[in-house]
Amino acid sequence: MIFVTVGTQGQFDRLIRTIDGWADVHGRTDVFAQTGPSEYYAAHIRAKPFVDPAEFRQCVESASLVVAHAGMGSIITALELGKRIIVMPRRASLGEHRNDHQVATARRFAEQGRIIVAFDEQELVDKLDQLEFITAAERLSAEAPSHLIDTIRTFIETGHARVENRAPVGGGM
């Protein structure tokens, strides 16, 4: 199953319309989308405006691919479960969000090699057409590293973070 999610922060009809058209062209009947408050009626995929958190996690667990907006919850859940994920960020210039933080989020995760990003509809279709070449991401641990926990604990207990002495980057004086 391909699970598509737009989150709960408003409509993302551009993503749903693109997936619906791709599924029609390819005869895909295994696509389920959480559409949010969409004005677009999907004709070729199963869709539901909202799913509760337990159903959302179950959909991600069952999916062979997740296609999502660039929301942190969607990305992190897919990575925790080691799922392949294609992200298409919402764009402020198209009225899909109030700023372009999703574009920045998508770029940062893509730089790390953790996700595939499609910045527009044609890129999304092209990436969906290449599904067999998209590999699953390395699972993201659900637990914070011990040094991060220690730093937070120190900050809470003392009011300031413990700073470790480290050599300067680049090995200079």
C-alpha atoms as a PDB file:
ATOM      1  CA  MET A   1       0.000   0.000   0.000  1.00  0.00           C
ATOM      2  CA  ILE A   2       1.034   3.573  -0.652  1.00  0.00           C
ATOM      3  CA  PHE A   3      -0.033   5.844   2.196  1.00  0.00           C
ATOM      4  CA  VAL A   4      -0.405   9.545   1.432  1.00  0.00           C
ATOM      5  CA  THR A   5      -0.729  12.110   4.201  1.00  0.00           C
ATOM      6  CA  VAL A   6      -1.138  15.877   4.182  1.00  0.00           C
ATOM      7  CA  GLY A   7      -1.295  16.313   7.953  1.00  0.00           C
ATOM      8  CA  THR A   8      -3.973  18.290   9.737  1.00  0.00           C
ATOM      9  CA  GLN A   9      -2.918  21.900   9.091  1.00  0.00           C
ATOM     10  CA  GLY A  10      -5.096  22.579   6.069  1.00  0.00           C
ATOM     11  CA  GLN A  11      -5.668  21.375   2.560  1.00  0.00           C
ATOM     12  CA  PHE A  12      -2.935  20.279   0.195  1.00  0.00           C
ATOM     13  CA  ASP A  13      -5.026  19.573  -2.877  1.00  0.00           C
ATOM     14  CA  ARG A  14      -2.006  19.860  -5.214  1.00  0.00           C
ATOM     15  CA  LEU A  15      -0.507  16.732  -3.629  1.00  0.00           C
ATOM     16  CA  ILE A  16      -3.776  14.765  -3.565  1.00  0.00           C
ATOM     17  CA  ARG A  17      -4.667  15.722  -7.159  1.00  0.00           C
ATOM     18  CA  THR A  18      -1.221  14.621  -8.383  1.00  0.00           C
ATOM     19  CA  ILE A  19      -1.356  11.257  -6.576  1.00  0.00           C
ATOM     20  CA  ASP A  20      -4.926  10.647  -7.772  1.00  0.00           C
ATOM     21  CA  GLY A  21      -3.939  11.280 -11.399  1.00  0.00           C
ATOM     22  CA  TRP A  22      -0.814   9.105 -11.107  1.00  0.00           C
ATOM     23  CA  ALA A  23      -2.842   6.235  -9.607  1.00  0.00           C
ATOM     24  CA  ASP A  24      -5.348   6.489 -12.470  1.00  0.00           C
ATOM     25  CA  VAL A  25      -2.673   6.421 -15.178  1.00  0.00           C
ATOM     26  CA  HIS A  26      -0.922   3.433 -13.575  1.00  0.00           C
ATOM     27  CA  GLY A  27      -4.045   1.512 -12.519  1.00  0.00           C
ATOM     28  CA  ARG A  28      -2.957   1.595  -8.877  1.00  0.00           C
ATOM     29  CA  THR A  29      -5.686   0.494  -6.487  1.00  0.00           C
ATOM     30  CA  ASP A  30      -3.447   0.297  -3.411  1.00  0.00           C
ATOM     31  CA  VAL A  31      -3.298   4.013  -2.542  1.00  0.00           C
ATOM     32  CA  PHE A  32      -4.902   5.404   0.611  1.00  0.00           C
ATOM     33  CA  ALA A  33      -4.758   9.118   1.415  1.00  0.00           C
ATOM     34  CA  GLN A  34      -5.401  11.163   4.513  1.00  0.00           C
ATOM     35  CA  THR A  35      -6.495  14.337   2.698  1.00  0.00           C
ATOM     36  CA  GLY A  36      -7.190  16.874   5.431  1.00  0.00           C
ATOM     37  CA  PRO A  37      -9.915  19.432   4.734  1.00  0.00           C
ATOM     38  CA  SER A  38      -9.603  18.992   0.971  1.00  0.00           C
ATOM     39  CA  GLU A  39     -11.810  20.605  -1.642  1.00  0.00           C
ATOM     40  CA  TYR A  40     -10.608  18.046  -4.198  1.00  0.00           C
ATOM     41  CA  TYR A  41     -12.554  14.798  -4.480  1.00  0.00           C
ATOM     42  CA  ALA A  42     -10.196  11.915  -5.252  1.00  0.00           C
ATOM     43  CA  ALA A  43     -11.686   9.623  -7.891  1.00  0.00           C
ATOM     44  CA  HIS A  44      -8.985   6.954  -8.181  1.00  0.00           C
ATOM     45  CA  ILE A  45      -7.651   6.467  -4.650  1.00  0.00           C
ATOM     46  CA  ARG A  46      -9.236   5.665  -1.317  1.00  0.00           C
ATOM     47  CA  ALA A  47      -9.329   8.782   0.817  1.00  0.00           C
ATOM     48  CA  LYS A  48     -10.415  10.029   4.211  1.00  0.00           C
ATOM     49  CA  PRO A  49     -10.061  13.581   5.580  1.00  0.00           C
ATOM     50  CA  PHE A  50      -8.586  12.598   8.936  1.00  0.00           C
ATOM     51  CA  VAL A  51      -7.281   9.545  10.757  1.00  0.00           C
ATOM     52  CA  ASP A  52      -6.626   9.320  14.479  1.00  0.00           C
ATOM     53  CA  PRO A  53      -3.020   8.907  15.708  1.00  0.00           C
ATOM     54  CA  ALA A  54      -3.298   5.117  16.154  1.00  0.00           C
ATOM     55  CA  GLU A  55      -4.721   4.648  12.643  1.00  0.00           C
ATOM     56  CA  PHE A  56      -2.061   6.985  11.226  1.00  0.00           C
ATOM     57  CA  ARG A  57       0.736   4.895  12.728  1.00  0.00           C
ATOM     58  CA  GLN A  58      -0.907   1.673  11.519  1.00  0.00           C
ATOM     59  CA  CYS A  59      -1.155   3.115   7.981  1.00  0.00           C
ATOM     60  CA  VAL A  60       2.542   4.025   8.012  1.00  0.00           C
ATOM     61  CA  GLU A  61       3.466   0.579   9.387  1.00  0.00           C
ATOM     62  CA  SER A  62       1.449  -1.131   6.617  1.00  0.00           C
ATOM     63  CA  ALA A  63       2.741   1.056   3.802  1.00  0.00           C
ATOM     64  CA  SER A  64       5.470   0.091   1.378  1.00  0.00           C
ATOM     65  CA  LEU A  65       5.799   3.820   0.602  1.00  0.00           C
ATOM     66  CA  VAL A  66       4.728   7.010   2.362  1.00  0.00           C
ATOM     67  CA  VAL A  67       4.070  10.166   0.353  1.00  0.00           C
ATOM     68  CA  ALA A  68       3.704  13.211   2.574  1.00  0.00           C
ATOM     69  CA  HIS A  69       3.834  16.941   3.027  1.00  0.00           C
ATOM     70  CA  ALA A  70       7.057  18.022   4.731  1.00  0.00           C
ATOM     71  CA  GLY A  71       5.597  17.914   8.242  1.00  0.00           C
ATOM     72  CA  MET A  72       7.917  16.723  10.994  1.00  0.00           C
ATOM     73  CA  GLY A  73       5.400  14.223  12.407  1.00  0.00           C
ATOM     74  CA  SER A  74       4.943  12.503   9.059  1.00  0.00           C
ATOM     75  CA  ILE A  75       8.663  12.424   8.265  1.00  0.00           C
ATOM     76  CA  ILE A  76       9.792  11.242  11.695  1.00  0.00           C
ATOM     77  CA  THR A  77       7.132   8.520  11.919  1.00  0.00           C
ATOM     78  CA  ALA A  78       8.116   7.143   8.503  1.00  0.00           C
ATOM     79  CA  LEU A  79      11.819   7.238   9.417  1.00  0.00           C
ATOM     80  CA  GLU A  80      11.234   5.604  12.822  1.00  0.00           C
ATOM     81  CA  LEU A  81       9.510   2.745  11.018  1.00  0.00           C
ATOM     82  CA  GLY A  82      12.163   2.530   8.278  1.00  0.00           C
ATOM     83  CA  LYS A  83       9.714   3.366   5.497  1.00  0.00           C
ATOM     84  CA  ARG A  84      10.504   4.755   2.078  1.00  0.00           C
ATOM     85  CA  ILE A  85       9.200   8.314   1.943  1.00  0.00           C
ATOM     86  CA  ILE A  86       8.707  10.895  -0.773  1.00  0.00           C
ATOM     87  CA  VAL A  87       8.012  14.382   0.524  1.00  0.00           C
ATOM     88  CA  MET A  88       6.450  17.273  -1.376  1.00  0.00           C
ATOM     89  CA  PRO A  89       6.624  20.454   0.720  1.00  0.00           C
ATOM     90  CA  ARG A  90       3.775  22.902   0.893  1.00  0.00           C
ATOM     91  CA  ARG A  91       4.638  26.280  -0.630  1.00  0.00           C
ATOM     92  CA  ALA A  92       3.656  29.655   0.770  1.00  0.00           C
ATOM     93  CA  SER A  93       3.612  31.226  -2.713  1.00  0.00           C
ATOM     94  CA  LEU A  94       0.758  28.849  -3.618  1.00  0.00           C
ATOM     95  CA  GLY A  95      -1.205  29.640  -0.442  1.00  0.00           C
ATOM     96  CA  GLU A  96      -0.518  26.183   1.021  1.00  0.00           C
ATOM     97  CA  HIS A  97       1.192  27.488   4.172  1.00  0.00           C
ATOM     98  CA  ARG A  98       2.075  30.769   5.842  1.00  0.00           C
ATOM     99  CA  ASN A  99       5.828  30.439   5.111  1.00  0.00           C
ATOM    100  CA  ASP A 100       8.271  28.081   3.410  1.00  0.00           C
ATOM    101  CA  HIS A 101       9.550  26.214   6.456  1.00  0.00           C
ATOM    102  CA  GLN A 102       8.463  22.930   4.813  1.00  0.00           C
ATOM    103  CA  VAL A 103      10.767  23.635   1.872  1.00  0.00           C
ATOM    104  CA  ALA A 104      13.659  24.181   4.310  1.00  0.00           C
ATOM    105  CA  THR A 105      12.756  21.010   6.252  1.00  0.00           C
ATOM    106  CA  ALA A 106      12.607  18.942   3.074  1.00  0.00           C
ATOM    107  CA  ARG A 107      15.971  20.261   1.863  1.00  0.00           C
ATOM    108  CA  ARG A 108      17.664  19.519   5.192  1.00  0.00           C
ATOM    109  CA  PHE A 109      16.390  15.921   5.402  1.00  0.00           C
ATOM    110  CA  ALA A 110      17.262  15.385   1.726  1.00  0.00           C
ATOM    111  CA  GLU A 111      20.834  16.614   2.356  1.00  0.00           C
ATOM    112  CA  GLN A 112      21.118  13.879   4.981  1.00  0.00           C
ATOM    113  CA  GLY A 113      19.953  11.317   2.428  1.00  0.00           C
ATOM    114  CA  ARG A 114      16.997  10.286   4.578  1.00  0.00           C
ATOM    115  CA  ILE A 115      14.115  11.227   2.268  1.00  0.00           C
ATOM    116  CA  ILE A 116      13.282  11.754  -1.399  1.00  0.00           C
ATOM    117  CA  VAL A 117      11.941  15.230  -2.182  1.00  0.00           C
ATOM    118  CA  ALA A 118       9.684  16.351  -5.011  1.00  0.00           C
ATOM    119  CA  PHE A 119       9.351  20.131  -5.145  1.00  0.00           C
ATOM    120  CA  ASP A 120       6.559  20.133  -7.725  1.00  0.00           C
ATOM    121  CA  GLU A 121       3.949  17.895  -9.288  1.00  0.00           C
ATOM    122  CA  GLN A 122       6.077  16.705 -12.218  1.00  0.00           C
ATOM    123  CA  GLU A 123       8.948  15.764  -9.891  1.00  0.00           C
ATOM    124  CA  LEU A 124       6.490  13.787  -7.769  1.00  0.00           C
ATOM    125  CA  VAL A 125       5.184  11.856 -10.768  1.00  0.00           C
ATOM    126  CA  ASP A 126       8.751  11.198 -11.951  1.00  0.00           C
ATOM    127  CA  LYS A 127       9.770   9.871  -8.533  1.00  0.00           C
ATOM    128  CA  LEU A 128       6.639   7.712  -8.245  1.00  0.00           C
ATOM    129  CA  ASP A 129       7.452   6.267 -11.678  1.00  0.00           C
ATOM    130  CA  GLN A 130      10.849   5.205 -10.264  1.00  0.00           C
ATOM    131  CA  LEU A 131       9.515   3.434  -7.143  1.00  0.00           C
ATOM    132  CA  GLU A 132      11.605   0.316  -7.653  1.00  0.00           C
ATOM    133  CA  PHE A 133      14.774   2.396  -7.211  1.00  0.00           C
ATOM    134  CA  ILE A 134      13.729   4.055  -3.938  1.00  0.00           C
ATOM    135  CA  THR A 135      15.201   2.230  -0.966  1.00  0.00           C
ATOM    136  CA  ALA A 136      13.955   2.258   2.596  1.00  0.00           C
ATOM    137  CA  ALA A 137      15.532   4.750   4.945  1.00  0.00           C
ATOM    138  CA  GLU A 138      17.722   3.708   7.813  1.00  0.00           C
ATOM    139  CA  ARG A 139      15.501   3.559  10.880  1.00  0.00           C
ATOM    140  CA  LEU A 140      15.606   6.641  13.040  1.00  0.00           C
ATOM    141  CA  SER A 141      15.908   5.778  16.720  1.00  0.00           C
ATOM    142  CA  ALA A 142      12.903   6.712  18.839  1.00  0.00           C
ATOM    143  CA  GLU A 143      15.282   7.429  21.728  1.00  0.00           C
ATOM    144  CA  ALA A 144      17.557  10.422  22.132  1.00  0.00           C
ATOM    145  CA  PRO A 145      21.319   9.804  22.391  1.00  0.00           C
ATOM    146  CA  SER A 146      22.631   9.684  25.959  1.00  0.00           C
ATOM    147  CA  HIS A 147      24.814  12.794  25.530  1.00  0.00           C
ATOM    148  CA  LEU A 148      21.734  14.822  24.535  1.00  0.00           C
ATOM    149  CA  ILE A 149      19.791  13.554  27.550  1.00  0.00           C
ATOM    150  CA  ASP A 150      22.748  14.393  29.827  1.00  0.00           C
ATOM    151  CA  THR A 151      22.991  17.908  28.391  1.00  0.00           C
ATOM    152  CA  ILE A 152      19.266  18.520  28.897  1.00  0.00           C
ATOM    153  CA  ARG A 153      19.404  17.076  32.421  1.00  0.00           C
ATOM    154  CA  THR A 154      22.362  19.351  33.303  1.00  0.00           C
ATOM    155  CA  PHE A 155      20.541  22.363  31.911  1.00  0.00           C
ATOM    156  CA  ILE A 156      17.395  21.600  33.916  1.00  0.00           C
ATOM    157  CA  GLU A 157      19.341  21.001  37.118  1.00  0.00           C
ATOM    158  CA  THR A 158      21.778  23.939  36.870  1.00  0.00           C
ATOM    159  CA  GLY A 159      20.185  26.419  34.510  1.00  0.00           C
ATOM    160  CA  HIS A 160      23.041  26.206  32.015  1.00  0.00           C
ATOM    161  CA  ALA A 161      24.303  23.625  29.592  1.00  0.00           C
ATOM    162  CA  ARG A 162      27.538  21.752  30.086  1.00  0.00           C
ATOM    163  CA  VAL A 163      29.909  22.703  27.303  1.00  0.00           C
ATOM    164  CA  GLU A 164      32.445  20.128  26.230  1.00  0.00           C
ATOM    165  CA  ASN A 165      35.925  21.207  25.195  1.00  0.00           C
ATOM    166  CA  ARG A 166      36.349  20.254  21.592  1.00  0.00           C
ATOM    167  CA  ALA A 167      39.067  20.925  19.064  1.00  0.00           C
ATOM    168  CA  PRO A 168      38.132  23.570  16.513  1.00  0.00           C
ATOM    169  CA  VAL A 169      36.732  22.309  13.250  1.00  0.00           C
ATOM    170  CA  GLY A 170      39.455  22.216  10.613  1.00  0.00           C
ATOM    171  CA  GLY A 171      42.249  21.560  13.119  1.00  0.00           C
ATOM    172  CA  GLY A 172      43.453  25.205  13.294  1.00  0.00           C
ATOM    173  CA  MET A 173      44.725  27.108  16.339  1.00  0.00           C
END
